[in-house]
Structure formats: structure tokens, C-alpha cells
Amino acid sequence: MSEFEATRNTRTILIAVVVIVVIVGAGIAGFLFLNPGTNTNTTTTTTEEGNTLTILTRHDVAIHGVFENAFLATDIAKNLSITDIQWKTPSGEFWDDLIDANQVDVCWGGGPTLFDQLMRDDRLLPLTSDRMVTAAARVNDTLAGADMKRYNDHGDLVWIAAAISSFGFTVNHQFLDDYSLPTPHKWTDLANATYGSLLPTIPTIAMGNAPDTTSNTRIYEIITQGLGWENGWATLARMAGNAKIFLGSVETQTAAETGQVGISMSIDFYGYVTQTKNPDCEYILPEGQSIVNGDPIAIAKTTLHQEMAEAFVDWVLTPEAQALWLNENIMRMPVMREAFDTPAGQANPKMYATFNNTVSTVGIDFNDTLSLAINSAFIHYFESVFTDAHTELVTCWDAIVDAYNDGHINATQLDYYASLMGAPVTIKDPKTNLDETFTIAYATAINHDMIYDSVYLSEIQTRWTAAAKAQYNAVYDMIQALLP
């Protein structure tokens, strides 16, 4: 793995000052600020009677309940007098501040890029104790070609996969049948004009806005890496033209589950749960166009309860805890095959077959280092040119599709005009005043400023959106000029 550049979040100093002021002036408000997305379970913190373990996570409440109840019942928890788990669930942009404020013991779930950012910024505790070395040895170094462990520049282990995920889409067969639409099998299928035949009235696809969903962002990265940068963005433009864009992965998934659309972007476990809720739905792993991710668990470098944190990580990486992923309300793939040797695993032969299929998946050669290097630029570019310019995008794509369906252009011409529509836009950079196209090199060059300079971020997004709208309108005018 290549080196990750260490950086410092300049928000931390400002937020630390704010926190001090708020806590002195209004203790309750200070607590709310430092604890966004606090545990919604009914368990009460009982610091007088026992110890509380604090977990920073992107996992949903179903996972909280299942794992908390099981862990607190173990001898491990009882021996350490752990009587409560406090869950913090803010978006990734707040994780560093909470860790720096000594508010976190364990970091769990959210995907490799988020944890690689924490590693790069030295916010994870090296897992070098005998207990952690023993726990890590239970997990394969790689699965399906993907790393299940990550090491820092000093060669110390800093995170371990606690579960695995694949990325695909969920189809609602009833919706597709109602509108005589085919079942897709690859990302490129979703860019087909067939799925734009109901525009502009009915979108057929649900996509999540990149800044609001790490799982959907991973899908978009898979597409741009697997298909090539320019072809990938052109494919995403056609997909987004066929789609309604939602503000989160749950909302995106619900759209297919409830029949609002025929296809939703999905991380695998959302797809599996949807299948159990709605028999009309099916999770599909794109043929040769996906990857398997290890979803990490780690310990915050600033934890005040290292022994407790290590005990929890150790327990999560046991067959019994791994089998909890198979709970009908979770339906995730464990990272350890041994989970299927437990009674719960033996009772889930279908999930075992799915596990074997997942770990044998041969997908694209995904570059995690590139993902980290351009992540902020990537997600905000997506938002600027697709979400914030969606009306103009749909109008343009609808015109191309109609011209094709009406026989005014052929398939080659359709692809040509779609490539013009989806080409990465060019703007004048707010700092250099130079014309810059959204290339990998440019995304890498501006990524730091996209994270730490909010004025620059706002201005560049405004320019990207304006450029995208102009591009879509120009292609629309080209199509109109072809019509009789």
C-alpha cells in the first residue's frame, strides 16, 4: 500500500474553542454538539454502576441493538464492568473532531476510505498488543482480492475488517414488468436509453447524492475506476439522467423496495434485507464490475478506555459475534467463515452460499489510495454536476433518448451526444484563475482545499454546477437543431 499523506484538520482548533464556550455556558447544548446521532436505544448510561464504552459508527440502529445486547451479556463485558454502550452516529466529516475531543473509544463501520482518512491523520491507535495481534490473526489478510487489514507508514496494524460488503443494485421486478423494462445485470446497462423511456415523468433508477452516502459513493468510484475516468463519468451522467437522486442510502434503497423506481444503488446487506421484505425485489451483483470491501473496526487513538476498547474489538472478531451479522434485521456478510460453524450460521445455508459467492467474486482492480486522494473533490463534483444540475441533465438526456426512439438519430449518434453531455466540465479555478477540466490530476490537486477551505469549496461547486448546466443546455440545443 502506498503512503498516506498526514494532514491536520484546521476545524479542530475552532471547534475545540466552541465546545469549551458552549460547555461553560450551557452544558446541555455542549453535550448535544459533541454527541450528534446519539444512541436511540433505551439503554441508559450508568457511570455510577459501571463503565460505558463509546462507539463512533456509521452502522444503523438495528446493528446497535443486536451487538450491544449480546456484548453486554458476555463475561468479557462483565469482567470489565461494562454496563452500557453509547453510540455516536454523525457523518464522517465530524469524526476527527469527536476523536480529538476524547469522546470515542471504538470506530466501527463506514468503509475503507473513511478509516484510511483517520489513519492518514493519525487518529487511530496501532493494534499492537498481544490481544489485538491474536484477534487480527483470525481474519484473512485478503478476501476476493481486497485488503482486510490496513497498516500505517510504520508498519503497525490500525484497522481490521469486521464484515465484508459488495456493491450492486436492487431491482423491483414488479416495477420493471409493469413498464416492460428489462432486468439489468451491469452498471453499463443502467446507462441504456431504455431506462429513460419514461422520462421526464417517471425516473426508473434511484441514486444517492455522493456526499450523503459512502456506499453509493463507492459505487460511483467503482464505475469511474472500472470503466475509465471519462467513460465512467459519461456512464454516470446517463444513469443520473434516468434517475431520481436521493439524499441518503436508506432513502435510495427504499425507493426500489416500495416500488417508486425499478432499480436502486445498493450495498449488499441493504439488498438482502429488501429481498426479505419485498419478494418482488432482488439484489444483483454486477457481472465483473464490482468489488468486495472490508468494513473496518478500529480503536480511537485518544480513547481513555483502551482495555475496554480492545475487549470489544476482540469479541467482534469471534465466530459467535460474527454470526450476529446474519440476524434477519441485519443480513450482512461476516468477514470470518467460521461464523457459519455456529448454530446461527448453520441455520443460514443461503447466506453461506452467498458468502462463498461473494468471496469468490472477481471484480475490478480497485485503487483505495486513489479513492482517498480525491474523495472530497469526487463527491462534491458529483453533487455539483448531477444533483444540483439535475433538472437540466434530465431535460438534455430526455431529448437525446426521444430523438433516438423517434428515429432522428442512430445508436452511434446517441452515444456521441451522451458523451458530450457527460464529459467532465471545465471551469476557471477560483484560486489560480486557470481553466481546469475535472481530471484525476486536478481532483488530486484540489482535494486538500476542498476539505479545509469552505469558501473555495462553495465557489468551485457553484462554478461546476453552472458549467454543467451550460453543457447540458448546449447539447440539448444540438438535438433540437436535428429535429424536423
Protein backbone atom coordinates (compact mmCIF):
# COMPACT_ATOMS: atom_id res chain seq x y z
CA MET A 1 0.00 0.00 0.00
CA SER A 2 1.30 3.47 -0.81
CA GLU A 3 1.91 6.13 1.76
CA PHE A 4 -0.91 8.34 3.01
CA GLU A 5 -0.03 11.98 3.50
CA ALA A 6 -0.58 13.20 7.06
CA THR A 7 -2.71 16.30 7.39
CA ARG A 8 -4.21 18.39 10.16
CA ASN A 9 -7.89 19.34 10.32
CA THR A 10 -7.93 23.07 10.87
CA ARG A 11 -11.55 22.90 12.04
CA THR A 12 -10.43 21.17 15.22
CA ILE A 13 -8.99 24.25 16.94
CA LEU A 14 -12.06 26.34 16.19
CA ILE A 15 -14.45 23.61 17.27
CA ALA A 16 -12.49 23.00 20.46
CA VAL A 17 -12.95 26.66 21.39
CA VAL A 18 -16.65 26.49 20.59
CA VAL A 19 -17.06 23.36 22.68
CA ILE A 20 -15.38 24.99 25.70
CA VAL A 21 -17.62 28.04 25.43
CA VAL A 22 -20.75 26.00 24.97
CA ILE A 23 -19.98 23.64 27.83
CA VAL A 24 -19.28 26.50 30.22
CA GLY A 25 -22.33 28.46 29.15
CA ALA A 26 -24.77 25.64 28.53
CA GLY A 27 -23.82 22.11 29.46
CA ILE A 28 -26.74 20.51 27.69
CA ALA A 29 -26.04 22.24 24.41
CA GLY A 30 -22.39 21.20 24.65
CA PHE A 31 -23.41 17.59 25.09
CA LEU A 32 -25.66 17.72 22.04
CA PHE A 33 -22.88 19.20 19.91
CA LEU A 34 -20.37 16.55 20.85
CA ASN A 35 -22.89 13.78 20.53
CA PRO A 36 -24.70 14.07 17.18
CA GLY A 37 -26.72 11.00 16.38
CA THR A 38 -26.60 9.70 19.96
CA ASN A 39 -27.79 6.16 20.64
CA THR A 40 -31.53 5.90 20.18
CA ASN A 41 -31.75 2.66 22.16
CA THR A 42 -33.47 2.70 25.54
CA THR A 43 -30.32 1.68 27.45
CA THR A 44 -29.33 4.34 29.99
CA THR A 45 -25.75 5.35 30.76
CA THR A 46 -24.93 4.21 34.30
CA THR A 47 -21.48 5.55 35.06
CA GLU A 48 -22.04 5.20 38.80
CA GLU A 49 -22.74 1.49 38.49
CA GLY A 50 -20.39 0.51 35.67
CA ASN A 51 -18.36 1.57 32.67
CA THR A 52 -19.61 2.95 29.37
CA LEU A 53 -17.98 2.12 26.03
CA THR A 54 -18.39 4.79 23.36
CA ILE A 55 -18.56 3.68 19.72
CA LEU A 56 -18.38 6.04 16.75
CA THR A 57 -20.12 4.37 13.84
CA ARG A 58 -21.96 4.60 10.55
CA HIS A 59 -23.89 1.41 11.37
CA ASP A 60 -27.63 1.75 11.78
CA VAL A 61 -29.69 1.22 14.92
CA ALA A 62 -30.55 -2.41 14.12
CA ILE A 63 -26.85 -3.29 14.41
CA HIS A 64 -26.52 -1.25 17.61
CA GLY A 65 -29.24 -3.18 19.38
CA VAL A 66 -28.19 -6.67 18.35
CA PHE A 67 -24.49 -6.24 19.10
CA GLU A 68 -24.97 -4.19 22.27
CA ASN A 69 -27.29 -6.71 23.92
CA ALA A 70 -25.05 -9.63 23.00
CA PHE A 71 -21.82 -7.95 24.15
CA LEU A 72 -23.15 -6.71 27.48
CA ALA A 73 -24.25 -10.27 28.27
CA THR A 74 -20.72 -11.67 27.83
CA ASP A 75 -18.28 -12.48 30.61
CA ILE A 76 -15.86 -10.14 28.83
CA ALA A 77 -18.11 -7.14 29.47
CA LYS A 78 -18.98 -8.24 32.99
CA ASN A 79 -15.34 -8.70 33.97
CA LEU A 80 -14.62 -5.13 32.87
CA SER A 81 -17.85 -3.81 34.43
CA ILE A 82 -19.07 -2.52 31.04
CA THR A 83 -22.76 -1.90 31.54
CA ASP A 84 -23.58 0.41 28.64
CA ILE A 85 -22.60 1.30 25.10
CA GLN A 86 -23.05 4.84 23.88
CA TRP A 87 -23.39 5.09 20.11
CA LYS A 88 -22.40 8.19 18.16
CA THR A 89 -23.53 8.29 14.53
CA PRO A 90 -22.55 11.59 12.87
CA SER A 91 -21.46 11.84 9.26
CA GLY A 92 -17.79 11.21 8.55
CA GLU A 93 -16.82 14.90 8.47
CA PHE A 94 -17.30 15.13 12.27
CA TRP A 95 -15.38 12.00 13.24
CA ASP A 96 -11.97 13.64 13.60
CA ASP A 97 -13.35 16.34 15.91
CA LEU A 98 -15.04 13.83 18.21
CA ILE A 99 -11.89 11.72 18.39
CA ASP A 100 -9.76 14.78 19.13
CA ALA A 101 -12.18 15.70 21.94
CA ASN A 102 -11.56 12.33 23.67
CA GLN A 103 -15.16 11.33 23.05
CA VAL A 104 -14.56 7.99 21.31
CA ASP A 105 -13.27 4.54 22.19
CA VAL A 106 -14.05 2.39 19.13
CA CYS A 107 -14.56 3.39 15.49
CA TRP A 108 -16.70 0.88 13.63
CA GLY A 109 -18.19 0.79 10.15
CA GLY A 110 -18.18 3.36 7.36
CA GLY A 111 -15.93 1.85 4.72
CA PRO A 112 -12.20 1.83 3.99
CA THR A 113 -11.88 5.41 2.73
CA LEU A 114 -13.21 6.93 5.95
CA PHE A 115 -10.85 4.80 8.04
CA ASP A 116 -7.93 5.47 5.71
CA GLN A 117 -8.54 9.18 6.29
CA LEU A 118 -8.41 8.61 10.04
CA MET A 119 -5.22 6.58 9.61
CA ARG A 120 -3.64 9.26 7.43
CA ASP A 121 -4.41 11.90 10.05
CA ASP A 122 -3.03 9.74 12.90
CA ARG A 123 -6.34 9.30 14.73
CA LEU A 124 -6.25 5.51 15.10
CA LEU A 125 -4.45 3.55 17.80
CA PRO A 126 -1.98 0.94 16.48
CA LEU A 127 -3.32 -2.54 17.23
CA THR A 128 -0.05 -3.97 18.50
CA SER A 129 -0.96 -5.56 21.84
CA ASP A 130 -0.90 -9.34 22.17
CA ARG A 131 -4.68 -9.34 22.37
CA MET A 132 -5.06 -7.41 19.12
CA VAL A 133 -2.45 -9.48 17.31
CA THR A 134 -4.33 -12.63 18.31
CA ALA A 135 -7.67 -11.18 17.23
CA ALA A 136 -6.30 -9.96 13.90
CA ALA A 137 -4.90 -13.41 13.13
CA ARG A 138 -8.45 -14.77 12.93
CA VAL A 139 -9.16 -12.58 9.89
CA ASN A 140 -7.76 -13.30 6.42
CA ASP A 141 -5.35 -10.71 5.11
CA THR A 142 -7.35 -10.50 1.87
CA LEU A 143 -10.70 -11.68 0.55
CA ALA A 144 -11.72 -11.52 -3.11
CA GLY A 145 -8.52 -9.57 -3.76
CA ALA A 146 -9.36 -6.84 -1.25
CA ASP A 147 -7.31 -5.97 1.85
CA MET A 148 -8.98 -6.90 5.13
CA LYS A 149 -6.33 -5.12 7.21
CA ARG A 150 -4.56 -1.80 6.92
CA TYR A 151 -1.11 -0.83 8.17
CA ASN A 152 0.27 2.67 8.72
CA ASP A 153 3.59 4.03 7.47
CA HIS A 154 5.36 2.46 10.45
CA GLY A 155 4.04 -0.98 9.57
CA ASP A 156 1.60 -1.08 12.50
CA LEU A 157 -1.86 -2.54 12.04
CA VAL A 158 -4.51 0.17 12.53
CA TRP A 159 -7.77 -1.33 11.30
CA ILE A 160 -9.26 -4.75 10.67
CA ALA A 161 -12.32 -5.66 8.61
CA ALA A 162 -15.21 -6.75 10.82
CA ALA A 163 -17.56 -7.51 7.93
CA ILE A 164 -17.46 -7.55 4.14
CA SER A 165 -19.64 -5.86 1.57
CA SER A 166 -20.23 -5.98 -2.15
CA PHE A 167 -21.85 -3.25 -4.23
CA GLY A 168 -24.57 -3.60 -6.80
CA PHE A 169 -28.20 -2.70 -7.30
CA THR A 170 -31.60 -3.86 -6.16
CA VAL A 171 -34.28 -4.35 -8.80
CA ASN A 172 -38.01 -4.34 -8.25
CA HIS A 173 -39.24 -6.88 -10.79
CA GLN A 174 -42.85 -5.76 -10.47
CA PHE A 175 -41.93 -2.21 -11.47
CA LEU A 176 -39.84 -3.46 -14.39
CA ASP A 177 -42.63 -5.78 -15.55
CA ASP A 178 -45.26 -3.04 -15.26
CA TYR A 179 -43.27 -0.82 -17.62
CA SER A 180 -41.87 -3.61 -19.83
CA LEU A 181 -38.29 -2.84 -18.83
CA PRO A 182 -35.51 -5.48 -18.91
CA THR A 183 -33.62 -6.68 -15.83
CA PRO A 184 -30.15 -5.08 -15.77
CA HIS A 185 -27.02 -7.06 -14.96
CA LYS A 186 -24.21 -4.49 -15.24
CA TRP A 187 -23.63 -0.81 -14.45
CA THR A 188 -23.47 -0.07 -18.15
CA ASP A 189 -26.99 -1.50 -18.56
CA LEU A 190 -28.28 1.28 -16.30
CA ALA A 191 -26.96 3.88 -18.75
CA ASN A 192 -29.13 2.43 -21.51
CA ALA A 193 -31.69 4.70 -23.16
CA THR A 194 -34.29 2.01 -22.40
CA TYR A 195 -34.39 3.17 -18.79
CA GLY A 196 -35.04 6.73 -19.95
CA SER A 197 -38.12 5.80 -21.94
CA LEU A 198 -40.46 7.04 -19.18
CA LEU A 199 -38.82 10.45 -18.83
CA PRO A 200 -39.42 13.12 -17.84
CA THR A 201 -42.39 11.89 -15.79
CA ILE A 202 -41.09 8.67 -14.25
CA PRO A 203 -37.46 8.05 -13.22
CA THR A 204 -36.57 4.38 -13.26
CA ILE A 205 -33.42 4.47 -11.08
CA ALA A 206 -32.63 5.73 -7.56
CA MET A 207 -29.14 7.11 -6.86
CA GLY A 208 -27.82 8.63 -3.64
CA ASN A 209 -26.17 12.04 -3.56
CA ALA A 210 -22.46 11.26 -3.15
CA PRO A 211 -21.70 13.48 -0.12
CA ASP A 212 -24.58 11.87 1.77
CA THR A 213 -23.83 8.17 1.26
CA THR A 214 -20.47 6.43 1.44
CA SER A 215 -21.86 3.21 -0.06
CA ASN A 216 -23.26 4.93 -3.15
CA THR A 217 -20.04 6.90 -3.48
CA ARG A 218 -18.15 3.62 -3.56
CA ILE A 219 -20.39 2.52 -6.45
CA TYR A 220 -19.58 5.70 -8.37
CA GLU A 221 -15.88 5.17 -7.72
CA ILE A 222 -16.17 1.59 -8.96
CA ILE A 223 -17.73 2.88 -12.17
CA THR A 224 -15.12 5.59 -12.80
CA GLN A 225 -12.24 3.27 -11.97
CA GLY A 226 -13.63 0.21 -13.73
CA LEU A 227 -14.78 1.93 -16.92
CA GLY A 228 -12.10 4.61 -17.03
CA TRP A 229 -12.41 8.20 -15.85
CA GLU A 230 -14.12 9.87 -18.82
CA ASN A 231 -16.22 6.86 -19.79
CA GLY A 232 -17.16 6.40 -16.15
CA TRP A 233 -18.44 9.94 -15.75
CA ALA A 234 -20.32 9.71 -19.04
CA THR A 235 -21.94 6.49 -17.81
CA LEU A 236 -22.86 8.13 -14.52
CA ALA A 237 -24.39 11.08 -16.38
CA ARG A 238 -26.65 8.74 -18.35
CA MET A 239 -27.56 6.83 -15.18
CA ALA A 240 -28.32 10.08 -13.35
CA GLY A 241 -30.43 11.20 -16.28
CA ASN A 242 -32.53 8.05 -15.83
CA ALA A 243 -32.67 8.56 -12.07
CA LYS A 244 -34.11 10.42 -9.15
CA ILE A 245 -31.35 11.45 -6.76
CA PHE A 246 -31.95 10.92 -3.04
CA LEU A 247 -30.08 12.34 -0.04
CA GLY A 248 -29.03 9.07 1.56
CA SER A 249 -28.53 5.36 1.02
CA VAL A 250 -31.58 4.37 3.09
CA GLU A 251 -33.85 6.63 1.06
CA THR A 252 -32.27 5.35 -2.15
CA GLN A 253 -32.86 1.73 -1.15
CA THR A 254 -36.42 2.39 -0.01
CA ALA A 255 -37.30 3.72 -3.46
CA ALA A 256 -36.85 0.26 -5.02
CA GLU A 257 -38.26 -1.58 -2.03
CA THR A 258 -41.52 0.41 -2.20
CA GLY A 259 -41.77 0.44 -5.99
CA GLN A 260 -41.09 4.14 -6.54
CA VAL A 261 -38.40 3.10 -9.03
CA GLY A 262 -37.30 -0.11 -10.64
CA ILE A 263 -33.62 -0.05 -9.62
CA SER A 264 -31.70 1.31 -6.63
CA MET A 265 -27.98 1.57 -5.95
CA SER A 266 -27.26 -0.88 -3.11
CA ILE A 267 -24.64 -2.07 -0.73
CA ASP A 268 -25.27 -5.80 -0.46
CA PHE A 269 -26.84 -6.01 3.00
CA TYR A 270 -29.48 -3.41 2.12
CA GLY A 271 -30.25 -5.55 -0.91
CA TYR A 272 -30.55 -8.73 1.16
CA VAL A 273 -32.86 -7.09 3.71
CA THR A 274 -35.01 -5.67 0.91
CA GLN A 275 -35.34 -9.13 -0.62
CA THR A 276 -36.78 -10.44 2.65
CA LYS A 277 -39.20 -7.51 2.96
CA ASN A 278 -40.40 -7.49 -0.64
CA PRO A 279 -40.31 -10.74 -2.68
CA ASP A 280 -40.56 -8.67 -5.88
CA CYS A 281 -37.05 -7.36 -5.21
CA GLU A 282 -33.66 -8.92 -5.99
CA TYR A 283 -30.12 -7.79 -5.21
CA ILE A 284 -27.84 -8.11 -8.24
CA LEU A 285 -24.05 -8.09 -8.17
CA PRO A 286 -22.89 -6.55 -11.48
CA GLU A 287 -21.08 -9.09 -13.62
CA GLY A 288 -17.33 -8.42 -13.37
CA GLN A 289 -17.99 -4.80 -12.39
CA SER A 290 -17.94 -4.75 -8.58
CA ILE A 291 -15.56 -5.17 -5.66
CA VAL A 292 -15.61 -6.61 -2.16
CA ASN A 293 -14.85 -4.18 0.68
CA GLY A 294 -13.72 -4.94 4.17
CA ASP A 295 -15.74 -2.75 6.56
CA PRO A 296 -13.33 -1.70 9.32
CA ILE A 297 -13.22 -1.67 13.08
CA ALA A 298 -10.50 0.28 14.91
CA ILE A 299 -9.67 1.97 18.19
CA ALA A 300 -9.54 5.75 18.54
CA LYS A 301 -6.06 7.00 19.37
CA THR A 302 -7.44 9.24 22.13
CA THR A 303 -9.51 6.56 23.89
CA LEU A 304 -9.45 6.74 27.66
CA HIS A 305 -10.54 3.10 27.88
CA GLN A 306 -8.05 1.10 25.80
CA GLU A 307 -8.61 -2.18 27.64
CA MET A 308 -12.38 -1.92 27.16
CA ALA A 309 -11.98 -0.97 23.51
CA GLU A 310 -9.64 -3.87 22.83
CA ALA A 311 -12.04 -6.25 24.57
CA PHE A 312 -14.86 -5.16 22.27
CA VAL A 313 -12.76 -5.45 19.09
CA ASP A 314 -11.54 -8.87 20.22
CA TRP A 315 -15.13 -10.02 20.81
CA VAL A 316 -16.40 -8.68 17.46
CA LEU A 317 -13.80 -10.88 15.77
CA THR A 318 -15.04 -14.13 17.30
CA PRO A 319 -17.23 -16.64 15.42
CA GLU A 320 -20.13 -16.06 17.81
CA ALA A 321 -20.13 -12.29 17.33
CA GLN A 322 -19.55 -12.65 13.61
CA ALA A 323 -22.70 -14.79 13.41
CA LEU A 324 -24.73 -11.80 14.64
CA TRP A 325 -24.31 -10.26 11.19
CA LEU A 326 -26.72 -12.97 9.96
CA ASN A 327 -29.57 -11.61 12.09
CA GLU A 328 -32.66 -11.18 9.91
CA ASN A 329 -32.70 -7.43 10.62
CA ILE A 330 -29.05 -7.01 9.62
CA MET A 331 -28.23 -9.56 6.88
CA ARG A 332 -24.57 -8.65 6.43
CA MET A 333 -21.67 -10.83 5.39
CA PRO A 334 -19.25 -11.71 8.21
CA VAL A 335 -15.56 -11.42 7.47
CA MET A 336 -14.90 -14.80 9.11
CA ARG A 337 -16.08 -18.03 7.50
CA GLU A 338 -16.15 -19.55 10.99
CA ALA A 339 -19.37 -17.63 11.66
CA PHE A 340 -21.13 -20.32 9.65
CA ASP A 341 -19.89 -23.04 12.01
CA THR A 342 -22.03 -21.61 14.81
CA PRO A 343 -25.69 -22.60 15.34
CA ALA A 344 -26.81 -19.30 13.79
CA GLY A 345 -24.54 -19.88 10.82
CA GLN A 346 -25.73 -23.45 10.36
CA ALA A 347 -29.29 -22.15 10.25
CA ASN A 348 -28.43 -19.84 7.30
CA PRO A 349 -27.35 -22.05 4.39
CA LYS A 350 -28.47 -19.45 1.82
CA MET A 351 -26.29 -16.80 3.41
CA TYR A 352 -23.39 -19.24 3.47
CA ALA A 353 -23.82 -19.83 -0.25
CA THR A 354 -23.94 -16.06 -0.76
CA PHE A 355 -20.81 -15.65 1.36
CA ASN A 356 -18.94 -18.18 -0.78
CA ASN A 357 -20.13 -16.46 -3.95
CA THR A 358 -19.09 -13.06 -2.60
CA VAL A 359 -15.56 -14.04 -1.59
CA SER A 360 -15.01 -15.75 -4.93
CA THR A 361 -16.11 -12.66 -6.85
CA VAL A 362 -13.60 -11.40 -9.38
CA GLY A 363 -14.22 -7.73 -9.92
CA ILE A 364 -12.23 -4.66 -10.90
CA ASP A 365 -8.79 -3.81 -9.55
CA PHE A 366 -9.85 -1.04 -7.17
CA ASN A 367 -7.35 1.62 -6.07
CA ASP A 368 -8.00 2.62 -2.44
CA THR A 369 -5.12 5.10 -2.49
CA LEU A 370 -6.70 6.99 -5.38
CA SER A 371 -10.07 6.94 -3.63
CA LEU A 372 -8.55 8.63 -0.58
CA ALA A 373 -6.55 11.12 -2.65
CA ILE A 374 -9.58 12.54 -4.48
CA ASN A 375 -12.54 11.69 -2.23
CA SER A 376 -13.67 15.19 -1.30
CA ALA A 377 -13.29 16.56 -4.83
CA PHE A 378 -15.06 13.47 -6.19
CA ILE A 379 -18.16 13.62 -4.02
CA HIS A 380 -18.64 17.37 -4.41
CA TYR A 381 -18.16 17.21 -8.16
CA PHE A 382 -20.89 14.55 -8.34
CA GLU A 383 -23.21 16.75 -6.29
CA SER A 384 -22.46 19.83 -8.39
CA VAL A 385 -22.96 18.37 -11.85
CA PHE A 386 -25.67 15.78 -11.19
CA THR A 387 -27.66 16.68 -8.06
CA ASP A 388 -27.55 20.47 -8.32
CA ALA A 389 -27.99 20.49 -12.12
CA HIS A 390 -30.39 17.57 -12.27
CA THR A 391 -33.28 19.35 -13.98
CA GLU A 392 -31.09 20.42 -16.89
CA LEU A 393 -29.46 16.97 -17.06
CA VAL A 394 -32.81 15.17 -17.30
CA THR A 395 -34.07 17.61 -19.94
CA CYS A 396 -30.96 17.02 -22.05
CA TRP A 397 -30.94 13.24 -21.67
CA ASP A 398 -34.68 13.03 -22.34
CA ALA A 399 -34.18 14.95 -25.58
CA ILE A 400 -31.41 12.56 -26.67
CA VAL A 401 -33.50 9.50 -25.80
CA ASP A 402 -36.59 10.84 -27.59
CA ALA A 403 -34.56 11.69 -30.69
CA TYR A 404 -33.21 8.15 -30.72
CA ASN A 405 -36.58 6.48 -30.11
CA ASP A 406 -38.21 8.64 -32.80
CA GLY A 407 -35.55 7.67 -35.36
CA HIS A 408 -33.94 11.11 -35.67
CA ILE A 409 -30.53 9.81 -34.51
CA ASN A 410 -28.96 6.35 -34.53
CA ALA A 411 -27.21 4.46 -31.72
CA THR A 412 -23.78 5.84 -32.64
CA GLN A 413 -25.11 9.38 -32.55
CA LEU A 414 -26.86 8.73 -29.26
CA ASP A 415 -23.55 7.66 -27.73
CA TYR A 416 -21.82 10.70 -29.21
CA TYR A 417 -24.26 13.25 -27.81
CA ALA A 418 -24.37 11.42 -24.47
CA SER A 419 -20.57 11.60 -24.28
CA LEU A 420 -20.74 15.36 -24.83
CA MET A 421 -23.39 15.62 -22.13
CA GLY A 422 -21.38 13.62 -19.59
CA ALA A 423 -17.87 14.86 -20.31
CA PRO A 424 -16.08 16.26 -17.22
CA VAL A 425 -16.68 20.02 -17.20
CA THR A 426 -14.12 22.80 -17.44
CA ILE A 427 -14.13 25.84 -15.16
CA LYS A 428 -11.84 28.70 -14.24
CA ASP A 429 -10.26 27.71 -10.92
CA PRO A 430 -11.11 30.28 -8.20
CA LYS A 431 -7.54 30.39 -6.88
CA THR A 432 -5.34 30.07 -9.96
CA ASN A 433 -7.71 31.67 -12.47
CA LEU A 434 -6.68 28.93 -14.92
CA ASP A 435 -9.09 26.85 -16.99
CA GLU A 436 -9.27 23.40 -15.41
CA THR A 437 -11.09 20.27 -16.56
CA PHE A 438 -12.13 17.80 -13.87
CA THR A 439 -9.41 15.23 -14.43
CA ILE A 440 -7.87 12.84 -11.89
CA ALA A 441 -4.84 15.10 -11.67
CA TYR A 442 -6.98 18.19 -10.99
CA ALA A 443 -9.14 16.34 -8.45
CA THR A 444 -5.98 15.27 -6.62
CA ALA A 445 -4.51 18.77 -6.70
CA ILE A 446 -7.59 20.46 -5.21
CA ASN A 447 -8.70 17.74 -2.77
CA HIS A 448 -6.97 19.31 0.25
CA ASP A 449 -8.59 22.69 -0.36
CA MET A 450 -11.96 21.01 -0.90
CA ILE A 451 -11.68 19.64 2.65
CA TYR A 452 -10.24 22.59 4.52
CA ASP A 453 -11.29 25.74 2.64
CA SER A 454 -15.06 26.13 2.79
CA VAL A 455 -15.07 29.31 0.70
CA TYR A 456 -13.13 27.58 -2.07
CA LEU A 457 -15.44 24.55 -1.85
CA SER A 458 -18.55 26.68 -2.21
CA GLU A 459 -17.17 28.71 -5.10
CA ILE A 460 -15.88 25.75 -7.06
CA GLN A 461 -19.17 23.88 -6.65
CA THR A 462 -21.05 26.92 -7.91
CA ARG A 463 -18.80 27.07 -10.99
CA TRP A 464 -19.09 23.32 -11.64
CA THR A 465 -22.88 23.50 -11.48
CA ALA A 466 -23.03 26.50 -13.81
CA ALA A 467 -20.68 24.78 -16.28
CA ALA A 468 -22.71 21.55 -16.15
CA LYS A 469 -25.98 23.38 -16.81
CA ALA A 470 -24.43 25.20 -19.74
CA GLN A 471 -23.07 21.93 -21.11
CA TYR A 472 -26.44 20.17 -20.83
CA ASN A 473 -28.25 23.11 -22.43
CA ALA A 474 -25.75 23.21 -25.29
CA VAL A 475 -26.23 19.51 -26.08
CA TYR A 476 -30.00 19.93 -25.80
CA ASP A 477 -29.83 22.73 -28.40
CA MET A 478 -27.79 20.45 -30.69
CA ILE A 479 -30.51 17.81 -30.52
CA GLN A 480 -33.26 20.35 -31.18
CA ALA A 481 -31.43 21.53 -34.27
CA LEU A 482 -31.59 17.99 -35.68
CA LEU A 483 -35.36 17.69 -35.38
CA PRO A 484 -37.62 18.36 -38.33
